[in-house]
C-alpha atoms as a PDB file:
ATOM      1  CA  MET A   1     149.195 177.969  58.159  1.00  0.00           C
ATOM      2  CA  THR A   2     151.646 177.212  60.966  1.00  0.00           C
ATOM      3  CA  SER A   3     151.981 174.569  63.644  1.00  0.00           C
ATOM      4  CA  ASN A   4     152.746 174.605  67.322  1.00  0.00           C
ATOM      5  CA  VAL A   5     154.629 171.328  67.068  1.00  0.00           C
ATOM      6  CA  PRO A   6     158.005 171.922  68.776  1.00  0.00           C
ATOM      7  CA  THR A   7     160.068 170.577  65.865  1.00  0.00           C
ATOM      8  CA  GLY A   8     159.034 173.516  63.712  1.00  0.00           C
ATOM      9  CA  VAL A   9     160.824 176.613  62.640  1.00  0.00           C
ATOM     10  CA  PRO A  10     158.804 179.799  62.304  1.00  0.00           C
ATOM     11  CA  PRO A  11     157.851 181.065  58.864  1.00  0.00           C
ATOM     12  CA  LEU A  12     159.570 184.146  57.524  1.00  0.00           C
ATOM     13  CA  ARG A  13     158.717 187.403  59.177  1.00  0.00           C
ATOM     14  CA  GLY A  14     156.162 189.643  57.526  1.00  0.00           C
ATOM     15  CA  THR A  15     153.402 188.899  55.088  1.00  0.00           C
ATOM     16  CA  ASP A  16     153.438 187.250  51.694  1.00  0.00           C
ATOM     17  CA  PRO A  17     152.830 189.996  49.105  1.00  0.00           C
ATOM     18  CA  GLY A  18     151.980 187.490  46.408  1.00  0.00           C
ATOM     19  CA  MET A  19     153.693 185.094  44.060  1.00  0.00           C
ATOM     20  CA  PRO A  20     156.528 186.648  42.045  1.00  0.00           C
ATOM     21  CA  VAL A  21     156.214 184.636  38.840  1.00  0.00           C
ATOM     22  CA  GLU A  22     153.511 183.547  36.477  1.00  0.00           C
ATOM     23  CA  PRO A  23     152.708 179.846  36.159  1.00  0.00           C
ATOM     24  CA  ARG A  24     154.720 178.116  33.494  1.00  0.00           C
ATOM     25  CA  ALA A  25     152.942 176.596  30.528  1.00  0.00           C
ATOM     26  CA  ARG A  26     152.354 172.859  30.861  1.00  0.00           C
ATOM     27  CA  ASP A  27     151.638 172.036  27.216  1.00  0.00           C
ATOM     28  CA  ARG A  28     155.263 172.197  26.056  1.00  0.00           C
ATOM     29  CA  LYS A  29     157.473 169.482  27.512  1.00  0.00           C
ATOM     30  CA  LEU A  30     161.156 168.721  27.283  1.00  0.00           C
ATOM     31  CA  ARG A  31     162.284 165.164  28.002  1.00  0.00           C
ATOM     32  CA  TRP A  32     165.674 164.255  29.349  1.00  0.00           C
ATOM     33  CA  THR A  33     167.224 161.570  27.134  1.00  0.00           C
ATOM     34  CA  GLY A  34     168.280 158.422  28.929  1.00  0.00           C
ATOM     35  CA  TRP A  35     166.809 159.554  32.242  1.00  0.00           C
ATOM     36  CA  THR A  36     164.111 157.793  34.235  1.00  0.00           C
ATOM     37  CA  PRO A  37     162.633 160.182  36.823  1.00  0.00           C
ATOM     38  CA  THR A  38     161.361 159.192  40.189  1.00  0.00           C
ATOM     39  CA  ARG A  39     158.149 161.180  40.050  1.00  0.00           C
ATOM     40  CA  ARG A  40     157.613 163.244  36.894  1.00  0.00           C
ATOM     41  CA  THR A  41     159.237 162.824  33.491  1.00  0.00           C
ATOM     42  CA  VAL A  42     159.122 166.342  32.179  1.00  0.00           C
ATOM     43  CA  LEU A  43     160.528 169.780  32.716  1.00  0.00           C
ATOM     44  CA  ARG A  44     158.618 172.737  31.400  1.00  0.00           C
ATOM     45  CA  ALA A  45     160.255 174.100  28.251  1.00  0.00           C
ATOM     46  CA  GLY A  46     160.119 177.636  29.586  1.00  0.00           C
ATOM     47  CA  SER A  47     162.680 176.762  32.285  1.00  0.00           C
ATOM     48  CA  ALA A  48     165.254 175.043  30.073  1.00  0.00           C
ATOM     49  CA  ALA A  49     167.185 178.142  29.029  1.00  0.00           C
ATOM     50  CA  GLY A  50     167.250 179.588  32.528  1.00  0.00           C
ATOM     51  CA  LEU A  51     168.518 176.358  34.058  1.00  0.00           C
ATOM     52  CA  ALA A  52     171.210 176.019  31.399  1.00  0.00           C
ATOM     53  CA  VAL A  53     172.541 179.455  32.280  1.00  0.00           C
ATOM     54  CA  LEU A  54     172.349 178.817  36.017  1.00  0.00           C
ATOM     55  CA  GLY A  55     173.845 175.341  35.904  1.00  0.00           C
ATOM     56  CA  SER A  56     177.267 176.457  37.066  1.00  0.00           C
ATOM     57  CA  VAL A  57     175.917 178.862  39.654  1.00  0.00           C
ATOM     58  CA  PHE A  58     173.271 176.554  41.096  1.00  0.00           C
ATOM     59  CA  PRO A  59     174.503 172.988  40.541  1.00  0.00           C
ATOM     60  CA  ALA A  60     171.791 171.676  42.850  1.00  0.00           C
ATOM     61  CA  VAL A  61     169.138 172.893  40.403  1.00  0.00           C
ATOM     62  CA  ARG A  62     170.133 170.280  37.867  1.00  0.00           C
ATOM     63  CA  ARG A  63     170.136 167.572  40.491  1.00  0.00           C
ATOM     64  CA  ALA A  64     166.667 168.597  41.581  1.00  0.00           C
ATOM     65  CA  VAL A  65     165.320 168.491  38.033  1.00  0.00           C
ATOM     66  CA  ALA A  66     167.046 165.200  37.312  1.00  0.00           C
ATOM     67  CA  ASP A  67     165.365 163.716  40.343  1.00  0.00           C
ATOM     68  CA  GLY A  68     161.934 164.552  38.957  1.00  0.00           C
ATOM     69  CA  TYR A  69     161.171 167.690  40.942  1.00  0.00           C
ATOM     70  CA  ASP A  70     160.602 171.175  39.561  1.00  0.00           C
ATOM     71  CA  ILE A  71     162.659 173.658  41.563  1.00  0.00           C
ATOM     72  CA  TYR A  72     162.533 177.388  40.851  1.00  0.00           C
ATOM     73  CA  PRO A  73     166.204 178.459  40.513  1.00  0.00           C
ATOM     74  CA  GLY A  74     165.841 181.683  42.470  1.00  0.00           C
ATOM     75  CA  CYS A  75     164.429 183.060  45.682  1.00  0.00           C
ATOM     76  CA  PRO A  76     160.772 184.199  45.924  1.00  0.00           C
ATOM     77  CA  SER A  77     160.410 187.932  46.508  1.00  0.00           C
ATOM     78  CA  TYR A  78     159.014 187.412  49.996  1.00  0.00           C
ATOM     79  CA  ALA A  79     162.177 185.540  51.055  1.00  0.00           C
ATOM     80  CA  ALA A  80     164.810 187.542  49.164  1.00  0.00           C
ATOM     81  CA  ASP A  81     165.681 190.030  51.899  1.00  0.00           C
ATOM     82  CA  HIS A  82     165.975 187.575  54.787  1.00  0.00           C
ATOM     83  CA  ASN A  83     169.173 186.247  56.256  1.00  0.00           C
ATOM     84  CA  CYS A  84     170.164 182.643  56.890  1.00  0.00           C
ATOM     85  CA  SER A  85     167.620 182.208  59.649  1.00  0.00           C
ATOM     86  CA  PRO A  86     165.397 180.613  58.553  1.00  0.00           C
ATOM     87  CA  GLY A  87     166.241 181.020  54.855  1.00  0.00           C
ATOM     88  CA  CYS A  88     163.110 179.535  53.301  1.00  0.00           C
ATOM     89  CA  GLY A  89     159.403 180.149  53.935  1.00  0.00           C
ATOM     90  CA  PRO A  90     156.613 180.997  53.878  1.00  0.00           C
ATOM     91  CA  SER A  91     155.421 177.687  55.342  1.00  0.00           C
ATOM     92  CA  THR A  92     156.713 176.141  58.565  1.00  0.00           C
ATOM     93  CA  ILE A  93     160.158 174.528  58.325  1.00  0.00           C
ATOM     94  CA  PHE A  94     160.357 171.270  60.242  1.00  0.00           C
ATOM     95  CA  GLY A  95     163.741 169.930  61.310  1.00  0.00           C
ATOM     96  CA  ASP A  96     162.712 166.355  60.506  1.00  0.00           C
ATOM     97  CA  ALA A  97     160.910 166.989  57.194  1.00  0.00           C
ATOM     98  CA  CYS A  98     163.782 165.943  54.920  1.00  0.00           C
ATOM     99  CA  VAL A  99     164.762 162.536  53.617  1.00  0.00           C
ATOM    100  CA  THR A 100     168.294 161.964  54.905  1.00  0.00           C
ATOM    101  CA  SER A 101     169.375 158.900  52.926  1.00  0.00           C
ATOM    102  CA  GLY A 102     168.717 157.076  49.663  1.00  0.00           C
ATOM    103  CA  THR A 103     167.664 158.331  46.237  1.00  0.00           C
ATOM    104  CA  ASN A 104     165.577 161.256  47.476  1.00  0.00           C
ATOM    105  CA  THR A 105     168.041 162.583  50.045  1.00  0.00           C
ATOM    106  CA  GLY A 106     167.397 166.257  50.704  1.00  0.00           C
ATOM    107  CA  PHE A 107     163.769 166.293  49.557  1.00  0.00           C
ATOM    108  CA  HIS A 108     160.565 166.376  51.557  1.00  0.00           C
ATOM    109  CA  LYS A 109     159.425 163.084  53.086  1.00  0.00           C
ATOM    110  CA  ASP A 110     156.418 161.334  51.554  1.00  0.00           C
ATOM    111  CA  ASP A 111     155.226 158.394  53.659  1.00  0.00           C
ATOM    112  CA  GLN A 112     151.547 159.384  53.232  1.00  0.00           C
ATOM    113  CA  VAL A 113     151.109 158.974  56.992  1.00  0.00           C
ATOM    114  CA  THR A 114     152.938 161.891  58.618  1.00  0.00           C
ATOM    115  CA  TRP A 115     154.408 163.508  55.513  1.00  0.00           C
ATOM    116  CA  LYS A 116     153.153 164.225  52.005  1.00  0.00           C
ATOM    117  CA  LEU A 117     154.676 165.908  48.982  1.00  0.00           C
ATOM    118  CA  ARG A 118     152.961 169.054  47.755  1.00  0.00           C
ATOM    119  CA  PRO A 119     153.587 168.926  43.992  1.00  0.00           C
ATOM    120  CA  ASN A 120     153.159 172.082  41.921  1.00  0.00           C
ATOM    121  CA  GLN A 121     151.679 174.127  44.737  1.00  0.00           C
ATOM    122  CA  CYS A 122     154.228 176.869  45.272  1.00  0.00           C
ATOM    123  CA  LEU A 123     155.006 179.888  43.104  1.00  0.00           C
ATOM    124  CA  SER A 124     151.608 180.174  41.385  1.00  0.00           C
ATOM    125  CA  GLY A 125     151.133 176.426  41.233  1.00  0.00           C
ATOM    126  CA  SER A 126     154.182 175.841  39.057  1.00  0.00           C
ATOM    127  CA  TYR A 127     156.947 174.464  41.269  1.00  0.00           C
ATOM    128  CA  ASP A 128     157.651 172.063  44.114  1.00  0.00           C
ATOM    129  CA  GLY A 129     160.189 174.346  45.755  1.00  0.00           C
ATOM    130  CA  TRP A 130     162.940 176.868  45.123  1.00  0.00           C
ATOM    131  CA  MET A 131     166.622 177.642  45.619  1.00  0.00           C
ATOM    132  CA  TRP A 132     167.678 180.176  48.235  1.00  0.00           C
ATOM    133  CA  ARG A 133     171.131 181.746  48.584  1.00  0.00           C
ATOM    134  CA  TYR A 134     172.704 184.047  51.166  1.00  0.00           C
ATOM    135  CA  ASP A 135     176.065 185.585  50.255  1.00  0.00           C
ATOM    136  CA  GLN A 136     177.333 186.226  53.755  1.00  0.00           C
ATOM    137  CA  ALA A 137     178.469 184.120  56.694  1.00  0.00           C
ATOM    138  CA  CYS A 138     175.876 181.702  58.023  1.00  0.00           C
ATOM    139  CA  GLY A 139     176.697 179.289  60.826  1.00  0.00           C
ATOM    140  CA  ALA A 140     179.899 177.474  59.847  1.00  0.00           C
ATOM    141  CA  CYS A 141     179.644 178.604  56.204  1.00  0.00           C
ATOM    142  CA  SER A 142     181.995 181.588  56.209  1.00  0.00           C
ATOM    143  CA  CYS A 143     181.399 182.890  52.657  1.00  0.00           C
ATOM    144  CA  HIS A 144     177.872 181.950  51.627  1.00  0.00           C
ATOM    145  CA  ILE A 145     175.189 179.327  51.900  1.00  0.00           C
ATOM    146  CA  GLU A 146     172.730 177.889  49.380  1.00  0.00           C
ATOM    147  CA  ARG A 147     169.635 175.937  50.340  1.00  0.00           C
ATOM    148  CA  ARG A 148     166.812 174.164  48.576  1.00  0.00           C
ATOM    149  CA  CYS A 149     163.344 174.639  50.020  1.00  0.00           C
ATOM    150  CA  HIS A 150     160.967 171.807  49.105  1.00  0.00           C
ATOM    151  CA  ASP A 151     157.236 171.948  49.818  1.00  0.00           C
ATOM    152  CA  GLY A 152     155.057 169.345  51.479  1.00  0.00           C
ATOM    153  CA  TYR A 153     152.575 168.687  54.261  1.00  0.00           C
ATOM    154  CA  ARG A 154     152.961 167.417  57.821  1.00  0.00           C
ATOM    155  CA  LYS A 155     150.209 165.858  59.891  1.00  0.00           C
ATOM    156  CA  THR A 156     149.982 167.330  63.379  1.00  0.00           C
ATOM    157  CA  ALA A 157     147.538 167.079  66.257  1.00  0.00           C
ATOM    158  CA  SER A 158     145.621 169.952  64.671  1.00  0.00           C
ATOM    159  CA  GLY A 159     145.580 168.406  61.183  1.00  0.00           C
ATOM    160  CA  TRP A 160     147.691 168.700  58.031  1.00  0.00           C
ATOM    161  CA  VAL A 161     149.840 171.845  57.809  1.00  0.00           C
ATOM    162  CA  ASN A 162     152.084 173.242  55.082  1.00  0.00           C
ATOM    163  CA  SER A 163     155.696 172.296  55.691  1.00  0.00           C
ATOM    164  CA  ILE A 164     159.111 172.806  54.127  1.00  0.00           C
ATOM    165  CA  CYS A 165     162.202 170.629  53.970  1.00  0.00           C
ATOM    166  CA  ARG A 166     165.215 172.958  54.140  1.00  0.00           C
ATOM    167  CA  TRP A 167     168.381 171.373  52.744  1.00  0.00           C
ATOM    168  CA  THR A 168     171.847 172.919  52.397  1.00  0.00           C
ATOM    169  CA  THR A 169     173.190 172.341  48.874  1.00  0.00           C
ATOM    170  CA  ASP A 170     176.295 174.539  49.046  1.00  0.00           C
ATOM    171  CA  CYS A 171     178.323 175.764  52.024  1.00  0.00           C
ATOM    172  CA  GLY A 172     180.912 178.330  50.988  1.00  0.00           C
ATOM    173  CA  CYS A 173     184.223 178.307  52.876  1.00  0.00           C
ATOM    174  CA  PRO A 174     183.231 175.836  55.588  1.00  0.00           C
ATOM    175  CA  SER A 175     185.309 176.583  58.631  1.00  0.00           C
ATOM    176  CA  THR A 176     185.701 175.869  62.298  1.00  0.00           C
ATOM    177  CA  VAL A 177     183.732 178.379  64.335  1.00  0.00           C
ATOM    178  CA  ASN A 178     185.590 179.980  67.237  1.00  0.00           C
ATOM    179  CA  TRP A 179     184.283 180.536  70.729  1.00  0.00           C
ATOM    180  CA  PRO A 180     182.962 184.107  71.074  1.00  0.00           C
ATOM    181  CA  GLU A 181     184.147 186.453  73.780  1.00  0.00           C
ATOM    182  CA  VAL A 182     181.224 187.824  75.800  1.00  0.00           C
ATOM    183  CA  ALA A 183     181.654 190.516  78.441  1.00  0.00           C
ATOM    184  CA  ALA A 184     179.823 193.101  80.525  1.00  0.00           C
ATOM    185  CA  GLY A 185     177.465 195.223  78.459  1.00  0.00           C
ATOM    186  CA  ALA A 186     176.462 192.417  76.093  1.00  0.00           C
ATOM    187  CA  SER A 187     172.851 191.368  75.747  1.00  0.00           C
ATOM    188  CA  GLY A 188     170.676 188.905  73.884  1.00  0.00           C
ATOM    189  CA  ALA A 189     170.168 185.178  73.508  1.00  0.00           C
ATOM    190  CA  LEU A 190     173.851 184.322  73.881  1.00  0.00           C
ATOM    191  CA  VAL A 191     173.927 186.033  77.284  1.00  0.00           C
ATOM    192  CA  THR A 192     170.737 184.174  78.262  1.00  0.00           C
ATOM    193  CA  THR A 193     172.477 180.941  77.269  1.00  0.00           C
ATOM    194  CA  ILE A 194     175.429 181.812  79.504  1.00  0.00           C
ATOM    195  CA  GLN A 195     173.119 182.624  82.416  1.00  0.00           C
ATOM    196  CA  TYR A 196     171.344 179.271  82.112  1.00  0.00           C
ATOM    197  CA  LEU A 197     174.704 177.464  82.026  1.00  0.00           C
ATOM    198  CA  LEU A 198     175.917 179.334  85.100  1.00  0.00           C
ATOM    199  CA  GLY A 199     172.765 178.269  86.915  1.00  0.00           C
ATOM    200  CA  HIS A 200     173.352 174.660  85.938  1.00  0.00           C
ATOM    201  CA  HIS A 201     176.814 174.801  87.507  1.00  0.00           C
ATOM    202  CA  GLY A 202     175.461 176.274  90.758  1.00  0.00           C
ATOM    203  CA  PHE A 203     176.244 179.942  90.104  1.00  0.00           C
ATOM    204  CA  PRO A 204     172.736 181.350  89.533  1.00  0.00           C
ATOM    205  CA  THR A 205     172.007 184.842  88.301  1.00  0.00           C
ATOM    206  CA  ASP A 206     168.905 186.461  86.849  1.00  0.00           C
ATOM    207  CA  VAL A 207     168.137 185.021  83.420  1.00  0.00           C
ATOM    208  CA  ASP A 208     167.350 188.302  81.705  1.00  0.00           C
ATOM    209  CA  GLY A 209     169.702 188.360  78.713  1.00  0.00           C
ATOM    210  CA  ALA A 210     171.661 191.304  80.137  1.00  0.00           C
ATOM    211  CA  TYR A 211     175.337 190.918  81.034  1.00  0.00           C
ATOM    212  CA  GLY A 212     175.373 193.171  84.083  1.00  0.00           C
ATOM    213  CA  PRO A 213     177.297 193.214  87.397  1.00  0.00           C
ATOM    214  CA  ALA A 214     175.513 190.146  88.799  1.00  0.00           C
ATOM    215  CA  THR A 215     176.334 188.036  85.751  1.00  0.00           C
ATOM    216  CA  THR A 216     179.914 189.316  85.755  1.00  0.00           C
ATOM    217  CA  GLN A 217     180.327 188.259  89.379  1.00  0.00           C
ATOM    218  CA  ALA A 218     178.749 184.849  88.725  1.00  0.00           C
ATOM    219  CA  VAL A 219     181.222 184.327  85.880  1.00  0.00           C
ATOM    220  CA  ARG A 220     184.130 185.303  88.126  1.00  0.00           C
ATOM    221  CA  ASP A 221     182.959 182.885  90.814  1.00  0.00           C
ATOM    222  CA  PHE A 222     182.619 180.101  88.237  1.00  0.00           C
ATOM    223  CA  GLN A 223     186.094 180.820  86.817  1.00  0.00           C
ATOM    224  CA  THR A 224     187.653 180.784  90.282  1.00  0.00           C
ATOM    225  CA  ALA A 225     186.017 177.442  91.055  1.00  0.00           C
ATOM    226  CA  LYS A 226     187.373 175.980  87.805  1.00  0.00           C
ATOM    227  CA  GLY A 227     190.888 177.394  88.188  1.00  0.00           C
ATOM    228  CA  ILE A 228     190.443 179.841  85.301  1.00  0.00           C
ATOM    229  CA  THR A 229     191.668 183.450  85.441  1.00  0.00           C
ATOM    230  CA  ALA A 230     188.750 185.333  86.997  1.00  0.00           C
ATOM    231  CA  SER A 231     188.282 187.995  84.315  1.00  0.00           C
ATOM    232  CA  GLY A 232     184.506 188.069  84.513  1.00  0.00           C
ATOM    233  CA  GLU A 233     184.386 187.540  80.731  1.00  0.00           C
ATOM    234  CA  VAL A 234     183.251 184.347  79.039  1.00  0.00           C
ATOM    235  CA  ASP A 235     186.231 183.792  76.765  1.00  0.00           C
ATOM    236  CA  THR A 236     187.918 180.929  74.913  1.00  0.00           C
ATOM    237  CA  ALA A 237     189.335 179.618  78.193  1.00  0.00           C
ATOM    238  CA  THR A 238     185.935 179.641  79.923  1.00  0.00           C
ATOM    239  CA  TRP A 239     183.529 178.223  77.329  1.00  0.00           C
ATOM    240  CA  PRO A 240     184.858 174.614  77.301  1.00  0.00           C
ATOM    241  CA  SER A 241     184.272 174.343  81.046  1.00  0.00           C
ATOM    242  CA  LEU A 242     180.931 176.137  80.930  1.00  0.00           C
ATOM    243  CA  VAL A 243     179.203 174.023  78.281  1.00  0.00           C
ATOM    244  CA  VAL A 244     177.841 170.583  79.096  1.00  0.00           C
ATOM    245  CA  THR A 245     177.230 167.673  76.708  1.00  0.00           C
ATOM    246  CA  ILE A 246     173.503 166.996  76.432  1.00  0.00           C
ATOM    247  CA  ARG A 247     171.403 164.511  74.487  1.00  0.00           C
ATOM    248  CA  GLN A 248     167.855 163.187  74.254  1.00  0.00           C
ATOM    249  CA  GLY A 249     166.560 162.466  77.754  1.00  0.00           C
ATOM    250  CA  THR A 250     168.635 165.195  79.427  1.00  0.00           C
ATOM    251  CA  ALA A 251     166.749 167.848  81.397  1.00  0.00           C
ATOM    252  CA  GLY A 252     167.667 171.049  83.224  1.00  0.00           C
ATOM    253  CA  ASN A 253     169.057 174.527  82.751  1.00  0.00           C
ATOM    254  CA  HIS A 254     171.837 173.265  80.463  1.00  0.00           C
ATOM    255  CA  VAL A 255     169.112 172.101  78.060  1.00  0.00           C
ATOM    256  CA  ARG A 256     167.375 175.491  78.341  1.00  0.00           C
ATOM    257  CA  ALA A 257     170.721 177.059  77.421  1.00  0.00           C
ATOM    258  CA  ALA A 258     170.940 175.004  74.223  1.00  0.00           C
ATOM    259  CA  GLN A 259     167.278 175.546  73.332  1.00  0.00           C
ATOM    260  CA  THR A 260     167.680 179.298  73.742  1.00  0.00           C
ATOM    261  CA  ARG A 261     170.731 179.431  71.512  1.00  0.00           C
ATOM    262  CA  ILE A 262     169.440 177.154  68.768  1.00  0.00           C
ATOM    263  CA  ASN A 263     166.292 179.278  68.557  1.00  0.00           C
ATOM    264  CA  SER A 264     168.585 182.105  67.442  1.00  0.00           C
ATOM    265  CA  TYR A 265     168.985 180.167  64.182  1.00  0.00           C
ATOM    266  CA  GLY A 266     165.258 180.243  63.445  1.00  0.00           C
ATOM    267  CA  TYR A 267     164.074 177.145  65.271  1.00  0.00           C
ATOM    268  CA  LYS A 268     160.956 177.411  67.363  1.00  0.00           C
ATOM    269  CA  LEU A 269     161.576 175.284  70.411  1.00  0.00           C
ATOM    270  CA  ALA A 270     159.837 175.647  73.731  1.00  0.00           C
ATOM    271  CA  VAL A 271     162.549 176.568  76.258  1.00  0.00           C
ATOM    272  CA  ASP A 272     161.331 173.994  78.756  1.00  0.00           C
ATOM    273  CA  GLY A 273     164.594 172.336  79.707  1.00  0.00           C
ATOM    274  CA  ILE A 274     163.508 168.957  78.315  1.00  0.00           C
ATOM    275  CA  PHE A 275     165.592 167.363  75.561  1.00  0.00           C
ATOM    276  CA  GLY A 276     162.756 165.613  73.753  1.00  0.00           C
ATOM    277  CA  ALA A 277     161.949 164.720  70.163  1.00  0.00           C
ATOM    278  CA  GLY A 278     161.529 168.352  69.094  1.00  0.00           C
ATOM    279  CA  THR A 279     164.919 169.413  70.433  1.00  0.00           C
ATOM    280  CA  LEU A 280     166.520 166.318  68.915  1.00  0.00           C
ATOM    281  CA  ALA A 281     165.121 167.149  65.459  1.00  0.00           C
ATOM    282  CA  ALA A 282     166.294 170.773  65.671  1.00  0.00           C
ATOM    283  CA  VAL A 283     169.788 169.838  66.896  1.00  0.00           C
ATOM    284  CA  THR A 284     170.216 167.195  64.186  1.00  0.00           C
ATOM    285  CA  ASP A 285     169.012 169.615  61.516  1.00  0.00           C
ATOM    286  CA  PHE A 286     171.398 172.323  62.785  1.00  0.00           C
ATOM    287  CA  GLN A 287     174.308 169.871  62.744  1.00  0.00           C
ATOM    288  CA  ARG A 288     173.557 168.749  59.202  1.00  0.00           C
ATOM    289  CA  HIS A 289     173.376 172.337  57.919  1.00  0.00           C
ATOM    290  CA  ASN A 290     176.720 173.142  59.537  1.00  0.00           C
ATOM    291  CA  GLU A 291     178.552 170.033  58.325  1.00  0.00           C
ATOM    292  CA  LEU A 292     178.781 168.511  61.798  1.00  0.00           C
ATOM    293  CA  THR A 293     178.139 164.885  62.680  1.00  0.00           C
ATOM    294  CA  ALA A 294     174.328 164.747  62.771  1.00  0.00           C
ATOM    295  CA  ASP A 295     174.007 162.574  65.881  1.00  0.00           C
ATOM    296  CA  GLY A 296     171.665 164.832  67.875  1.00  0.00           C
ATOM    297  CA  ILE A 297     174.196 165.141  70.711  1.00  0.00           C
ATOM    298  CA  VAL A 298     175.207 168.654  71.743  1.00  0.00           C
ATOM    299  CA  GLY A 299     178.883 168.175  72.519  1.00  0.00           C
ATOM    300  CA  THR A 300     181.757 170.649  72.534  1.00  0.00           C
ATOM    301  CA  LEU A 301     181.927 171.084  68.749  1.00  0.00           C
ATOM    302  CA  THR A 302     178.184 171.630  68.389  1.00  0.00           C
ATOM    303  CA  TRP A 303     178.194 174.016  71.339  1.00  0.00           C
ATOM    304  CA  ARG A 304     181.055 176.003  69.774  1.00  0.00           C
ATOM    305  CA  THR A 305     179.199 176.263  66.461  1.00  0.00           C
ATOM    306  CA  LEU A 306     175.996 177.268  68.246  1.00  0.00           C
ATOM    307  CA  ALA A 307     177.782 179.892  70.328  1.00  0.00           C
ATOM    308  CA  GLY A 308     180.117 181.322  67.696  1.00  0.00           C
ATOM    309  CA  GLY A 309     178.271 180.841  64.412  1.00  0.00           C
ATOM    310  CA  ALA A 310     176.858 183.768  62.465  1.00  0.00           C
ATOM    311  CA  THR A 311     173.072 184.136  62.839  1.00  0.00           C
END
């Protein structure tokens, strides 16, 4: 079940072929000495050995268990072959579903008004969520990324829908993302972003995602106006002048540019040019996952990570 609420991220592509594991037995319980959980006090005995082995590989697994949640230490089969966007599934991922401070930081919200936990309702009714890992570059994580996907519900205008809190637990080789160089012959969302930004600056061209002669000329005209060498390529000298800082309440083609690019990372925003609550939630979530200041403002550093990050 999915939602058309603009803060959402689409579920994984394809269909769910079924749950990959059998439910764990609930009659054998292992208690953690000296530990007072926040929600449940037991961990199924069948998972103890596996978690012990994976403790050094998935340190977040132990934290999840210690916090009273049962987190499957691997990736479900229907998510295993997907890249970092969106990196969870199969339910809708909402940018504002996670608790961002306090004891339960990184887990699904549970205010019983807009958000509810969904205990023991994923992976054959045995777990609250699972760990997901991608061993290639993802955003500002140059080596790998690991995320925890925690199940819950969100109340929308159409009723309660399945939702997921996606939380980065390990970012391998965090690095500064460089501005990409984009030239004639390129195509895709990044070119569309450039075309929207050119239009914002008064150098309009067709917004078709194709870097053809008209876009090349518009870039040259923009570069000339800004005193930049008129190469016709959007390079490291051009990007800082092309991007515009935007925040909640901003509207226009520069917002469409950001919405288009952030959707490349799995978010499902309407490209309407309005920086509203949905765009704010997606931007803040993107910043948090890429170890940026999560202030919801798309400034130069966020723009550079959006433009140059691996997707």
